[in-house]
N, C-alpha and C. Protein backbone atom coordinates (compact mmCIF):
# COMPACT_ATOMS: atom_id res chain seq x y z
N MET A 1 0.91 -1.24 0.06
CA MET A 1 -0.14 -0.03 -0.36
C MET A 1 0.78 1.03 -0.12
N THR A 2 0.43 1.99 -0.80
CA THR A 2 1.31 3.16 -0.60
C THR A 2 0.22 4.33 -0.16
N ASN A 3 0.87 5.00 0.86
CA ASN A 3 0.26 6.13 1.46
C ASN A 3 0.22 7.54 0.80
N THR A 4 -0.41 8.42 0.63
CA THR A 4 -0.45 9.49 0.28
C THR A 4 -1.36 10.68 0.27
N ASN A 5 -1.35 11.92 0.65
CA ASN A 5 -2.29 12.78 1.37
C ASN A 5 -2.89 13.67 0.09
N HIS A 6 -2.87 13.51 -1.06
CA HIS A 6 -3.81 13.91 -2.48
C HIS A 6 -3.37 13.58 -3.44
N PHE A 7 -4.39 13.90 -4.47
CA PHE A 7 -4.58 13.43 -5.97
C PHE A 7 -4.40 14.64 -6.78
N THR A 8 -3.83 14.68 -7.81
CA THR A 8 -3.71 15.85 -8.64
C THR A 8 -3.85 15.13 -10.13
N PHE A 9 -4.85 15.80 -10.75
CA PHE A 9 -5.03 15.56 -12.41
C PHE A 9 -5.59 16.90 -13.01
N THR A 10 -5.16 16.87 -14.10
CA THR A 10 -5.24 17.79 -14.80
C THR A 10 -6.87 17.85 -15.87
N GLN A 11 -7.30 16.49 -15.90
CA GLN A 11 -8.71 16.41 -16.26
C GLN A 11 -9.47 15.63 -15.59
N GLY A 12 -11.01 15.51 -16.08
CA GLY A 12 -11.51 14.96 -14.94
C GLY A 12 -11.30 13.44 -14.53
N VAL A 13 -11.87 13.48 -13.50
CA VAL A 13 -11.90 11.69 -12.77
C VAL A 13 -13.11 11.30 -12.52
N ASN A 14 -13.42 10.29 -12.05
CA ASN A 14 -14.73 9.73 -11.71
C ASN A 14 -14.08 9.56 -10.24
N LEU A 15 -15.12 9.17 -9.41
CA LEU A 15 -15.81 8.78 -8.05
C LEU A 15 -16.66 8.19 -7.24
N ILE A 16 -16.47 6.88 -7.42
CA ILE A 16 -17.64 5.98 -6.66
C ILE A 16 -17.73 5.87 -5.00
N GLY A 17 -18.48 5.88 -4.54
CA GLY A 17 -19.07 6.25 -3.25
C GLY A 17 -19.85 4.82 -2.99
N GLY A 18 -20.05 4.65 -1.44
CA GLY A 18 -20.71 2.90 -1.36
C GLY A 18 -22.69 3.51 -1.04
N GLY A 19 -23.06 4.45 -1.84
CA GLY A 19 -24.51 4.50 -1.81
C GLY A 19 -24.98 3.90 -2.91
N SER A 20 -26.36 4.45 -3.87
CA SER A 20 -27.18 3.61 -4.53
C SER A 20 -26.22 3.93 -5.77
N VAL A 21 -25.60 2.72 -6.48
CA VAL A 21 -25.03 2.57 -7.79
C VAL A 21 -25.36 1.45 -8.41
N ASN A 22 -26.16 1.86 -9.39
CA ASN A 22 -26.79 0.80 -10.41
C ASN A 22 -25.63 0.55 -11.58
N GLU A 23 -26.62 -0.41 -12.58
CA GLU A 23 -25.37 -1.22 -13.62
C GLU A 23 -24.92 0.06 -14.79
N GLN A 24 -25.76 0.83 -14.97
CA GLN A 24 -25.79 2.43 -15.75
C GLN A 24 -24.64 2.95 -15.29
N ASP A 25 -24.44 3.20 -13.98
CA ASP A 25 -23.23 4.21 -13.57
C ASP A 25 -22.10 3.33 -13.61
N ILE A 26 -22.07 1.89 -13.23
CA ILE A 26 -20.84 1.17 -13.74
C ILE A 26 -20.46 1.03 -15.30
N ASN A 27 -21.50 1.13 -16.20
CA ASN A 27 -21.19 1.64 -17.63
C ASN A 27 -20.29 2.24 -18.13
N ASP A 28 -21.17 3.36 -17.45
CA ASP A 28 -20.93 5.16 -17.80
C ASP A 28 -19.03 5.10 -16.89
N ILE A 29 -19.02 4.51 -16.13
CA ILE A 29 -17.55 4.79 -15.50
C ILE A 29 -16.51 3.95 -16.83
N ILE A 30 -16.97 2.96 -17.03
CA ILE A 30 -16.16 1.92 -18.01
C ILE A 30 -16.10 2.80 -18.98
N LYS A 31 -16.93 3.30 -19.81
CA LYS A 31 -16.93 4.00 -20.95
C LYS A 31 -16.30 5.17 -20.92
N SER A 32 -16.10 5.90 -19.62
CA SER A 32 -15.28 6.89 -20.02
C SER A 32 -14.01 6.80 -19.84
N GLY A 33 -13.48 6.02 -19.15
CA GLY A 33 -12.05 5.30 -19.31
C GLY A 33 -10.97 6.73 -18.38
N LYS A 34 -11.85 7.22 -17.24
CA LYS A 34 -11.32 8.26 -16.75
C LYS A 34 -10.60 7.28 -15.37
N ASN A 35 -9.73 8.11 -14.75
CA ASN A 35 -9.10 7.53 -13.52
C ASN A 35 -10.48 7.20 -12.95
N LEU A 36 -10.39 6.48 -11.89
CA LEU A 36 -11.36 6.18 -10.98
C LEU A 36 -11.13 6.08 -9.21
N PHE A 37 -11.71 6.91 -8.63
CA PHE A 37 -11.29 6.66 -7.52
C PHE A 37 -12.06 6.27 -6.29
N CYS A 38 -12.29 5.87 -4.95
CA CYS A 38 -13.14 5.14 -4.30
C CYS A 38 -13.17 5.76 -3.13
N ALA A 39 -14.59 6.11 -2.62
CA ALA A 39 -14.67 6.78 -1.42
C ALA A 39 -14.89 5.53 -0.61
N ASP A 40 -14.41 5.10 0.45
CA ASP A 40 -14.02 4.14 1.29
C ASP A 40 -15.07 2.86 0.52
N SER A 41 -16.25 2.50 1.02
CA SER A 41 -17.18 1.41 0.65
C SER A 41 -17.43 1.41 -0.69
N GLY A 42 -17.27 2.51 -1.68
CA GLY A 42 -17.13 2.34 -2.92
C GLY A 42 -16.05 1.52 -3.21
N LEU A 43 -15.29 1.51 -3.22
CA LEU A 43 -14.52 0.20 -3.38
C LEU A 43 -14.68 -1.30 -3.38
N ASN A 44 -15.83 -1.57 -2.77
CA ASN A 44 -16.57 -2.62 -2.93
C ASN A 44 -17.44 -2.68 -4.38
N TYR A 45 -17.60 -1.74 -4.49
CA TYR A 45 -18.12 -1.91 -6.12
C TYR A 45 -17.18 -1.95 -7.15
N ALA A 46 -16.16 -1.00 -6.88
CA ALA A 46 -15.14 -1.64 -7.98
C ALA A 46 -14.70 -2.69 -8.29
N LEU A 47 -14.22 -3.39 -7.03
CA LEU A 47 -13.73 -4.62 -6.83
C LEU A 47 -14.89 -6.03 -7.69
N GLU A 48 -16.35 -5.59 -7.36
CA GLU A 48 -17.18 -6.44 -7.67
C GLU A 48 -17.33 -6.66 -9.33
N ASN A 49 -17.33 -5.11 -9.71
CA ASN A 49 -16.95 -5.32 -11.36
C ASN A 49 -15.83 -5.15 -11.92
N ASN A 50 -14.71 -5.46 -11.35
CA ASN A 50 -13.00 -5.31 -11.50
C ASN A 50 -13.07 -3.75 -12.52
N LEU A 51 -13.19 -3.32 -11.77
CA LEU A 51 -12.59 -1.55 -12.17
C LEU A 51 -11.51 -1.35 -11.83
N VAL A 52 -10.75 -0.83 -12.40
CA VAL A 52 -9.34 -0.23 -12.24
C VAL A 52 -9.40 1.39 -11.36
N VAL A 53 -8.70 0.66 -10.25
CA VAL A 53 -8.95 1.90 -9.04
C VAL A 53 -7.71 2.44 -9.15
N SER A 54 -7.57 3.83 -9.33
CA SER A 54 -6.09 4.99 -8.97
C SER A 54 -6.40 4.99 -7.71
N GLY A 55 -7.27 5.03 -6.82
CA GLY A 55 -7.03 5.49 -5.38
C GLY A 55 -7.99 5.20 -4.46
N LEU A 56 -7.82 5.27 -3.20
CA LEU A 56 -8.88 5.03 -1.85
C LEU A 56 -8.82 6.04 -1.25
N ILE A 57 -9.66 6.17 -0.67
CA ILE A 57 -10.27 7.82 0.14
C ILE A 57 -10.77 7.32 1.41
N GLY A 58 -10.65 7.51 2.69
CA GLY A 58 -11.84 7.31 3.29
C GLY A 58 -11.07 6.98 4.80
N ASP A 59 -11.86 6.75 5.78
CA ASP A 59 -11.72 6.18 7.27
C ASP A 59 -11.59 4.49 7.15
N LEU A 60 -11.04 4.23 5.77
CA LEU A 60 -11.42 2.57 5.50
C LEU A 60 -12.30 1.58 6.52
N ASP A 61 -13.22 2.48 7.56
CA ASP A 61 -14.00 1.28 8.05
C ASP A 61 -14.86 0.33 7.53
N SER A 62 -14.98 0.44 6.24
CA SER A 62 -16.41 -0.55 5.28
C SER A 62 -15.34 -1.54 4.42
N VAL A 63 -14.18 -1.25 4.33
CA VAL A 63 -13.38 -1.76 3.47
C VAL A 63 -12.42 -3.23 3.64
N GLY A 64 -12.37 -2.95 5.05
CA GLY A 64 -11.28 -4.16 5.46
C GLY A 64 -9.71 -3.79 5.47
N SER A 65 -8.85 -4.58 5.88
CA SER A 65 -7.58 -4.03 5.50
C SER A 65 -7.09 -3.85 3.82
N GLN A 66 -6.21 -3.03 3.86
CA GLN A 66 -5.80 -2.52 2.70
C GLN A 66 -3.97 -2.34 2.56
N LYS A 67 -3.60 -3.10 3.49
CA LYS A 67 -2.18 -3.40 3.41
C LYS A 67 -1.32 -3.69 2.08
N ASP A 68 -2.29 -4.29 1.27
CA ASP A 68 -1.72 -4.71 0.41
C ASP A 68 -2.21 -4.68 -0.91
N ALA A 69 -3.03 -2.98 -0.88
CA ALA A 69 -4.03 -2.34 -1.89
C ALA A 69 -2.61 -2.02 -3.03
N PRO A 70 -2.70 -2.13 -4.42
CA PRO A 70 -1.80 -1.90 -5.36
C PRO A 70 -2.26 -0.86 -5.90
N TYR A 71 -3.05 0.00 -4.94
CA TYR A 71 -3.20 1.35 -5.14
C TYR A 71 -2.98 2.31 -4.50
N PRO A 72 -2.70 4.07 -4.31
CA PRO A 72 -2.46 4.46 -3.28
C PRO A 72 -3.86 4.79 -2.49
N VAL A 73 -3.46 5.09 -1.04
CA VAL A 73 -4.29 5.05 -0.03
C VAL A 73 -4.26 6.07 0.83
N LEU A 74 -5.61 6.99 0.79
CA LEU A 74 -5.60 7.86 1.63
C LEU A 74 -6.15 8.06 2.67
N PHE A 75 -5.30 7.48 3.85
CA PHE A 75 -6.13 7.52 5.00
C PHE A 75 -6.72 8.56 5.62
N ASP A 76 -8.39 9.12 6.19
CA ASP A 76 -8.51 9.85 6.53
C ASP A 76 -9.57 9.50 7.99
N GLN A 77 -9.46 9.53 9.52
CA GLN A 77 -10.25 8.84 10.17
C GLN A 77 -10.92 9.70 10.74
N SER A 78 -11.12 11.41 10.23
CA SER A 78 -11.74 12.22 10.84
C SER A 78 -13.48 11.91 10.64
N GLN A 79 -13.90 12.53 11.73
CA GLN A 79 -15.11 11.89 12.43
C GLN A 79 -16.15 13.11 11.62
N ASP A 80 -15.80 14.52 11.73
CA ASP A 80 -15.96 15.41 11.23
C ASP A 80 -16.38 15.99 9.93
N THR A 81 -15.90 14.60 8.64
CA THR A 81 -16.33 14.95 7.29
C THR A 81 -16.88 13.46 6.57
N ASN A 82 -17.62 13.60 5.78
CA ASN A 82 -17.96 12.22 5.29
C ASN A 82 -17.11 11.72 4.04
N ASP A 83 -17.54 10.81 3.55
CA ASP A 83 -16.88 10.02 2.39
C ASP A 83 -16.57 11.22 1.52
N LEU A 84 -17.66 11.36 0.84
CA LEU A 84 -17.52 12.58 -0.05
C LEU A 84 -16.73 13.91 -0.12
N GLU A 85 -16.73 14.44 0.96
CA GLU A 85 -16.01 15.40 1.75
C GLU A 85 -14.81 14.98 1.65
N LYS A 86 -14.35 13.94 2.36
CA LYS A 86 -12.96 13.61 2.17
C LYS A 86 -12.46 13.58 0.95
N SER A 87 -13.12 12.96 -0.29
CA SER A 87 -12.68 12.89 -1.52
C SER A 87 -12.64 14.04 -2.05
N LEU A 88 -13.36 14.88 -1.71
CA LEU A 88 -13.44 16.61 -2.67
C LEU A 88 -12.20 17.05 -2.34
N ASN A 89 -11.88 17.05 -0.94
CA ASN A 89 -10.60 17.73 -0.57
C ASN A 89 -9.27 17.22 -0.93
N ALA A 90 -9.21 15.63 -1.16
CA ALA A 90 -7.96 15.22 -1.45
C ALA A 90 -7.80 15.61 -2.97
N ILE A 91 -8.81 15.13 -4.02
CA ILE A 91 -8.27 15.36 -5.18
C ILE A 91 -8.58 16.67 -6.02
N LYS A 92 -7.63 17.03 -6.32
CA LYS A 92 -7.59 18.07 -7.43
C LYS A 92 -7.87 17.96 -8.77
N ALA A 93 -8.80 18.25 -9.24
CA ALA A 93 -8.94 17.66 -10.56
C ALA A 93 -9.86 18.63 -11.65
N LYS A 94 -10.05 18.79 -12.97
CA LYS A 94 -10.53 19.73 -13.76
C LYS A 94 -12.12 19.57 -13.15
N TYR A 95 -12.63 18.44 -13.04
CA TYR A 95 -14.12 18.01 -12.57
C TYR A 95 -14.18 16.63 -11.77
N ILE A 96 -15.05 16.17 -11.02
CA ILE A 96 -15.37 15.04 -10.44
C ILE A 96 -16.50 14.60 -10.92
N ILE A 97 -16.50 13.43 -11.28
CA ILE A 97 -17.59 12.86 -11.56
C ILE A 97 -18.25 11.94 -10.28
N CYS A 98 -19.18 12.20 -9.73
CA CYS A 98 -19.43 11.36 -8.06
C CYS A 98 -20.65 10.64 -8.40
N TYR A 99 -20.43 9.07 -8.26
CA TYR A 99 -21.25 8.16 -8.54
C TYR A 99 -21.52 7.58 -7.00
N GLY A 100 -23.01 7.07 -6.64
CA GLY A 100 -22.75 6.72 -5.47
C GLY A 100 -23.25 7.76 -4.26
N PHE A 101 -23.70 8.91 -4.53
CA PHE A 101 -24.03 9.99 -3.70
C PHE A 101 -25.54 10.62 -3.37
N LEU A 102 -26.01 9.88 -4.05
CA LEU A 102 -27.20 10.52 -4.13
C LEU A 102 -28.37 9.21 -4.23
N GLY A 103 -29.48 9.42 -3.89
CA GLY A 103 -30.59 8.27 -4.10
C GLY A 103 -30.23 7.59 -2.41
N GLY A 104 -31.25 6.40 -2.40
CA GLY A 104 -31.24 5.52 -0.97
C GLY A 104 -31.53 6.95 0.06
N ARG A 105 -30.71 6.79 1.33
CA ARG A 105 -31.29 7.60 2.23
C ARG A 105 -31.07 8.91 2.17
N ILE A 106 -32.35 9.79 2.54
CA ILE A 106 -32.32 11.29 2.67
C ILE A 106 -31.31 12.04 2.50
N ASP A 107 -31.21 11.72 3.85
CA ASP A 107 -30.30 12.42 4.52
C ASP A 107 -28.73 12.68 4.22
N HIS A 108 -28.24 11.20 3.57
CA HIS A 108 -27.04 10.87 2.82
C HIS A 108 -26.98 11.91 1.50
N SER A 109 -28.19 11.91 0.77
CA SER A 109 -28.14 13.18 -0.28
C SER A 109 -28.51 14.54 0.00
N LEU A 110 -29.05 14.76 1.06
CA LEU A 110 -28.66 16.28 1.60
C LEU A 110 -27.24 16.82 2.00
N ALA A 111 -26.82 15.63 2.70
CA ALA A 111 -25.01 15.92 3.19
C ALA A 111 -24.45 15.84 1.63
N SER A 112 -24.82 15.21 0.46
CA SER A 112 -24.03 15.28 -0.42
C SER A 112 -24.17 16.86 -1.52
N PHE A 113 -25.35 17.67 -1.33
CA PHE A 113 -25.69 18.60 -1.51
C PHE A 113 -24.90 19.91 -0.65
N ASN A 114 -24.60 19.68 0.57
CA ASN A 114 -23.82 20.26 1.52
C ASN A 114 -22.70 20.49 1.04
N VAL A 115 -22.07 19.22 0.78
CA VAL A 115 -20.47 19.14 0.76
C VAL A 115 -20.27 19.79 -0.65
N ILE A 116 -20.93 19.52 -1.82
CA ILE A 116 -20.67 20.27 -2.90
C ILE A 116 -21.07 21.66 -3.11
N SER A 117 -21.76 21.90 -2.02
CA SER A 117 -22.11 23.47 -2.12
C SER A 117 -20.85 24.17 -1.47
N LYS A 118 -20.30 23.71 -0.48
CA LYS A 118 -18.93 24.15 0.13
C LYS A 118 -17.37 23.65 -0.46
N SER A 119 -17.65 23.15 -1.25
CA SER A 119 -16.11 22.56 -1.74
C SER A 119 -15.88 23.58 -2.98
N LYS A 120 -14.51 23.94 -3.18
CA LYS A 120 -13.90 24.69 -4.25
C LYS A 120 -13.96 23.59 -5.55
N GLN A 121 -13.59 22.20 -5.26
CA GLN A 121 -13.91 21.44 -6.12
C GLN A 121 -15.11 21.20 -7.14
N ILE A 122 -14.96 21.70 -8.44
CA ILE A 122 -16.10 21.23 -9.21
C ILE A 122 -16.58 19.90 -9.37
N ALA A 123 -17.87 19.47 -8.80
CA ALA A 123 -18.16 18.34 -8.69
C ALA A 123 -19.85 17.73 -9.40
N PHE A 124 -19.74 17.01 -10.01
CA PHE A 124 -21.09 16.46 -10.61
C PHE A 124 -21.40 15.40 -10.08
N LEU A 125 -23.07 15.80 -9.03
CA LEU A 125 -23.38 14.25 -8.44
C LEU A 125 -24.26 13.47 -9.27
N ILE A 126 -24.17 12.28 -9.73
CA ILE A 126 -25.15 11.40 -10.67
C ILE A 126 -26.09 10.62 -9.56
N GLY A 127 -26.79 11.13 -9.98
CA GLY A 127 -28.48 10.27 -9.83
C GLY A 127 -28.99 9.14 -10.71
N GLU A 128 -29.69 8.76 -10.38
CA GLU A 128 -30.62 7.76 -11.09
C GLU A 128 -31.24 8.45 -12.61
N LYS A 129 -31.67 9.69 -12.32
CA LYS A 129 -31.91 10.68 -13.55
C LYS A 129 -31.71 11.44 -13.58
N ASP A 130 -30.53 12.21 -12.68
CA ASP A 130 -30.48 13.32 -12.91
C ASP A 130 -28.45 13.97 -12.41
N ILE A 131 -28.53 15.09 -12.69
CA ILE A 131 -27.08 15.36 -12.64
C ILE A 131 -27.46 16.91 -11.70
N CYS A 132 -26.31 17.13 -10.63
CA CYS A 132 -26.71 17.91 -9.65
C CYS A 132 -25.27 18.88 -9.56
N VAL A 133 -25.17 20.16 -9.75
CA VAL A 133 -23.66 20.72 -9.72
C VAL A 133 -24.10 21.80 -9.13
N VAL A 134 -22.86 22.30 -8.54
CA VAL A 134 -23.39 24.26 -8.17
C VAL A 134 -23.05 24.78 -9.27
N CYS A 135 -24.29 26.05 -9.13
CA CYS A 135 -24.34 26.72 -10.75
C CYS A 135 -23.20 27.96 -10.45
N PRO A 136 -22.24 28.13 -11.52
CA PRO A 136 -21.27 29.13 -11.52
C PRO A 136 -22.23 30.58 -11.88
N LYS A 137 -21.09 31.20 -11.35
CA LYS A 137 -21.42 32.76 -11.65
C LYS A 137 -22.47 33.19 -12.89
N TYR A 138 -21.50 32.77 -13.86
CA TYR A 138 -22.22 32.70 -15.00
C TYR A 138 -22.15 31.45 -16.09
N LEU A 139 -23.20 31.01 -16.23
CA LEU A 139 -23.23 29.61 -17.26
C LEU A 139 -23.96 30.15 -18.62
N LYS A 140 -23.43 29.66 -19.57
CA LYS A 140 -23.72 29.76 -20.84
C LYS A 140 -24.34 28.33 -21.46
N LEU A 141 -25.42 27.86 -22.04
CA LEU A 141 -25.31 26.53 -22.37
C LEU A 141 -26.08 26.47 -23.63
N ASN A 142 -25.78 25.79 -24.86
CA ASN A 142 -26.71 25.20 -25.75
C ASN A 142 -27.25 23.85 -25.51
N LEU A 143 -28.76 24.12 -25.52
CA LEU A 143 -29.51 22.79 -25.12
C LEU A 143 -30.91 22.33 -26.15
N PRO A 144 -30.97 21.11 -26.30
CA PRO A 144 -32.43 20.86 -26.74
C PRO A 144 -33.40 21.99 -26.11
N ILE A 145 -34.14 22.49 -26.89
CA ILE A 145 -35.52 23.04 -26.16
C ILE A 145 -36.21 22.11 -25.48
N GLY A 146 -36.61 22.82 -24.43
CA GLY A 146 -37.36 21.82 -23.31
C GLY A 146 -36.75 21.05 -22.55
N THR A 147 -35.39 21.51 -22.54
CA THR A 147 -34.40 20.27 -21.40
C THR A 147 -35.06 21.20 -20.13
N ARG A 148 -35.30 20.04 -19.29
CA ARG A 148 -35.43 20.30 -17.73
C ARG A 148 -34.03 20.93 -17.09
N LEU A 149 -34.14 22.04 -16.43
CA LEU A 149 -33.06 23.08 -15.85
C LEU A 149 -33.39 23.74 -14.78
N ALA A 150 -33.25 23.03 -13.81
CA ALA A 150 -33.74 23.52 -12.53
C ALA A 150 -32.84 24.15 -11.62
N LEU A 151 -32.78 24.96 -10.84
CA LEU A 151 -32.16 25.78 -9.75
C LEU A 151 -32.54 25.58 -8.30
N PHE A 152 -32.08 25.26 -7.26
CA PHE A 152 -32.18 25.04 -6.23
C PHE A 152 -31.37 25.71 -5.13
N PRO A 153 -31.71 27.11 -4.59
CA PRO A 153 -31.26 28.07 -4.06
C PRO A 153 -30.43 27.10 -2.64
N MET A 154 -29.16 27.40 -2.02
CA MET A 154 -28.82 27.07 -0.98
C MET A 154 -28.35 27.98 0.53
N ASP A 155 -29.14 29.12 -0.27
CA ASP A 155 -29.35 30.56 0.63
C ASP A 155 -29.99 31.43 -0.32
N GLU A 156 -30.10 32.50 0.06
CA GLU A 156 -31.13 33.71 -0.65
C GLU A 156 -29.92 33.89 -1.56
N THR A 157 -30.71 33.85 -3.18
CA THR A 157 -29.69 34.02 -3.90
C THR A 157 -30.49 34.99 -5.14
N LEU A 158 -29.82 35.79 -5.52
CA LEU A 158 -30.28 36.73 -6.78
C LEU A 158 -29.87 36.00 -8.16
N ALA A 159 -30.13 35.96 -9.20
CA ALA A 159 -30.04 35.32 -10.32
C ALA A 159 -30.75 35.97 -11.60
N LYS A 160 -30.29 35.91 -12.41
CA LYS A 160 -31.20 36.55 -14.10
C LYS A 160 -30.85 35.41 -14.80
N SER A 161 -31.69 35.44 -15.58
CA SER A 161 -31.69 34.14 -16.78
C SER A 161 -31.79 34.93 -18.06
N LYS A 162 -31.92 33.90 -18.99
CA LYS A 162 -31.96 34.58 -20.30
C LYS A 162 -32.39 32.81 -21.14
N GLY A 163 -33.87 32.93 -21.70
CA GLY A 163 -33.64 31.70 -22.49
C GLY A 163 -34.74 30.25 -21.76
N LEU A 164 -34.90 30.91 -20.46
CA LEU A 164 -35.35 29.61 -19.61
C LEU A 164 -36.99 30.26 -19.46
N LYS A 165 -38.16 29.44 -19.20
CA LYS A 165 -39.35 29.40 -19.80
C LYS A 165 -39.68 30.21 -18.67
N TRP A 166 -39.49 30.39 -17.06
CA TRP A 166 -39.81 30.86 -16.17
C TRP A 166 -38.59 32.22 -15.70
N ASP A 167 -38.57 33.01 -16.37
CA ASP A 167 -37.27 33.82 -16.17
C ASP A 167 -37.07 34.25 -14.44
N LEU A 168 -35.59 34.36 -14.40
CA LEU A 168 -35.30 34.61 -12.79
C LEU A 168 -34.95 35.93 -12.36
N ASP A 169 -35.11 36.36 -13.30
CA ASP A 169 -34.80 38.12 -12.93
C ASP A 169 -35.77 38.71 -12.26
N GLY A 170 -35.24 39.37 -10.95
CA GLY A 170 -35.69 39.99 -10.03
C GLY A 170 -36.26 39.15 -8.95
N ILE A 171 -35.87 37.95 -9.06
CA ILE A 171 -37.16 37.18 -7.76
C ILE A 171 -35.51 36.87 -6.76
N LEU A 172 -35.83 37.18 -5.44
CA LEU A 172 -34.92 36.20 -4.58
C LEU A 172 -35.71 34.90 -4.05
N LEU A 173 -34.28 34.01 -4.54
CA LEU A 173 -34.73 32.85 -4.52
C LEU A 173 -34.05 32.42 -2.97
N SER A 174 -34.79 31.33 -2.36
CA SER A 174 -34.40 30.95 -1.24
C SER A 174 -34.49 29.42 -0.73
N PRO A 175 -34.01 28.80 0.00
CA PRO A 175 -34.88 27.75 0.45
C PRO A 175 -35.95 27.20 1.37
N LYS A 176 -35.98 28.51 1.98
CA LYS A 176 -37.32 28.61 2.67
C LYS A 176 -38.57 29.40 1.74
N GLY A 177 -38.22 29.80 0.92
CA GLY A 177 -38.89 30.83 -0.06
C GLY A 177 -39.50 30.32 -1.38
N ARG A 178 -38.96 31.36 -2.69
CA ARG A 178 -39.25 30.83 -3.89
C ARG A 178 -38.04 29.95 -4.44
N ILE A 179 -38.36 29.30 -5.17
CA ILE A 179 -37.19 28.20 -5.69
C ILE A 179 -37.49 28.12 -7.26
N SER A 180 -36.89 27.70 -8.00
CA SER A 180 -36.52 27.44 -9.28
C SER A 180 -36.63 25.86 -9.90
N THR A 181 -37.67 25.27 -9.36
CA THR A 181 -37.36 23.79 -10.34
C THR A 181 -38.38 23.54 -11.10
N SER A 182 -38.17 22.34 -11.60
CA SER A 182 -38.87 22.15 -12.94
C SER A 182 -39.08 23.08 -14.12
N ASN A 183 -38.04 24.35 -14.02
CA ASN A 183 -38.12 24.72 -15.26
C ASN A 183 -37.36 24.56 -16.65
N GLU A 184 -37.22 24.79 -16.92
CA GLU A 184 -37.06 24.55 -18.63
C GLU A 184 -36.34 25.62 -19.80
N ASN A 185 -35.90 25.15 -20.78
CA ASN A 185 -35.10 26.54 -21.38
C ASN A 185 -36.61 26.28 -23.11
N VAL A 186 -36.83 27.27 -23.36
CA VAL A 186 -37.47 27.61 -24.45
C VAL A 186 -36.56 28.02 -25.64
N GLU A 187 -35.38 28.52 -25.54
CA GLU A 187 -34.70 28.86 -26.37
C GLU A 187 -33.36 28.13 -26.46
N GLU A 188 -32.52 27.53 -27.46
CA GLU A 188 -31.61 26.42 -27.37
C GLU A 188 -30.33 27.19 -26.74
N ASN A 189 -30.21 28.44 -26.68
CA ASN A 189 -29.21 29.08 -25.91
C ASN A 189 -29.76 29.84 -24.61
N VAL A 190 -28.98 29.21 -23.41
CA VAL A 190 -29.34 29.58 -22.25
C VAL A 190 -28.44 30.32 -21.58
N GLU A 191 -28.67 31.33 -21.05
CA GLU A 191 -27.62 32.07 -19.93
C GLU A 191 -28.26 32.28 -18.39
N ILE A 192 -27.42 31.99 -17.34
CA ILE A 192 -27.75 32.38 -16.46
C ILE A 192 -26.46 33.12 -15.43
N TRP A 193 -27.31 34.12 -14.98
CA TRP A 193 -25.89 34.52 -13.95
C TRP A 193 -26.43 34.49 -12.38
N ILE A 194 -25.73 34.24 -11.92
CA ILE A 194 -26.07 34.03 -10.13
C ILE A 194 -24.99 35.25 -9.73
N ASP A 195 -26.16 36.52 -9.41
CA ASP A 195 -25.18 38.14 -8.54
C ASP A 195 -25.17 37.57 -7.35
N ASP A 196 -25.66 36.89 -6.63
CA ASP A 196 -25.74 36.75 -5.31
C ASP A 196 -26.31 35.62 -4.34
N GLY A 197 -25.72 35.00 -3.65
CA GLY A 197 -26.00 33.43 -3.41
C GLY A 197 -25.26 32.54 -3.95
N LEU A 198 -25.95 31.02 -3.94
CA LEU A 198 -25.55 30.19 -4.21
C LEU A 198 -26.60 29.05 -4.88
N ALA A 199 -26.46 28.56 -5.88
CA ALA A 199 -27.73 27.81 -6.19
C ALA A 199 -26.90 26.38 -6.88
N LEU A 200 -27.56 25.33 -6.75
CA LEU A 200 -27.44 24.27 -7.40
C LEU A 200 -28.24 24.06 -8.85
N ALA A 201 -27.48 23.73 -9.65
CA ALA A 201 -28.17 23.32 -10.74
C ALA A 201 -28.52 22.16 -11.27
N ILE A 202 -29.49 21.59 -11.64
CA ILE A 202 -29.85 20.10 -11.96
C ILE A 202 -30.47 20.00 -13.45
N PHE A 203 -29.86 19.04 -13.83
CA PHE A 203 -30.23 18.81 -15.24
C PHE A 203 -30.77 16.94 -15.33
N PRO A 204 -31.25 16.85 -16.56
CA PRO A 204 -31.20 15.28 -16.97
C PRO A 204 -30.08 14.57 -16.95
N ARG A 205 -30.05 13.41 -16.57
CA ARG A 205 -28.57 12.53 -16.55
C ARG A 205 -28.34 12.19 -18.19
N LYS A 206 -28.97 12.48 -18.82
CA LYS A 206 -28.42 11.69 -20.28
C LYS A 206 -28.15 12.75 -21.34
N ILE A 207 -27.82 14.42 -20.63
CA ILE A 207 -27.40 15.05 -21.31
C ILE A 207 -25.61 16.02 -20.46
N LEU A 208 -25.32 14.43 -19.96
CA LEU A 208 -24.20 14.96 -18.96
C LEU A 208 -23.27 15.31 -19.86
N PRO A 209 -22.73 14.67 -21.07
CA PRO A 209 -21.67 14.90 -21.94
C PRO A 209 -21.79 16.06 -22.22
N LYS A 210 -23.27 16.75 -22.62
CA LYS A 210 -23.02 17.87 -23.29
C LYS A 210 -23.24 19.07 -22.65
N ILE A 211 -23.23 18.84 -21.11
CA ILE A 211 -23.23 19.72 -20.06
C ILE A 211 -21.76 19.88 -19.44
N ILE A 212 -21.16 19.03 -19.68
CA ILE A 212 -19.26 18.82 -19.46
C ILE A 212 -18.75 19.51 -20.90
N ASN A 213 -19.16 19.27 -21.92
CA ASN A 213 -18.34 19.93 -22.87
C ASN A 213 -18.41 21.41 -23.09
N GLN A 214 -19.66 21.57 -22.43
CA GLN A 214 -19.85 23.52 -22.56
C GLN A 214 -19.42 24.04 -20.76
N TRP A 215 -19.14 23.66 -20.25
CA TRP A 215 -18.87 23.64 -18.81
C TRP A 215 -17.88 24.77 -18.63
N PRO A 216 -18.31 25.87 -17.84
CA PRO A 216 -16.82 26.73 -18.05
C PRO A 216 -15.80 26.58 -16.59
N PHE A 217 -15.07 25.85 -16.99
CA PHE A 217 -13.96 25.26 -15.79
C PHE A 217 -12.90 26.25 -16.00
């Protein structure tokens, strides 16, 4: 086992956690050809499916002894961070595609939203039907008309938009007030400006490649 304290990549990487992971997730990981990191018990999915592992991160309480592991291991026994946060703190990459952190227990999904909201690392959470990522201060995308595009504010948020069915201009978004879920684009070119606050952007999973190709890294 090789101990390390961080992983650095110039391109995007995959991360698999121990939550809800399905056959589509495994197939997408394989087809992507990206380096794969495992957050603690996410390693079990990797080993079961003969995936090549580039590194393991966590307190390792769910994966047994790793003394003979053929990949680098970052051991973090802090109880103040969960597996996703440990991983985002340890990996520096262009972006991280995160499987196994949505679905299943609601509290785990909420914790994942919390983690990506406070992380400096760009992380795409992948669910069975959705992609969730922190919306940048300015986002411009070309999408098929009628694509679902939701914004969920994580605090009081002021935003503007162009090309959405329900315009965001002049509306105070808040987790305790107005939100912008179930929105969609009525023009192919969509622009969003976050003037203040922070919001999560949610898209259909099937357009992940299109989103990543246009994301402002």
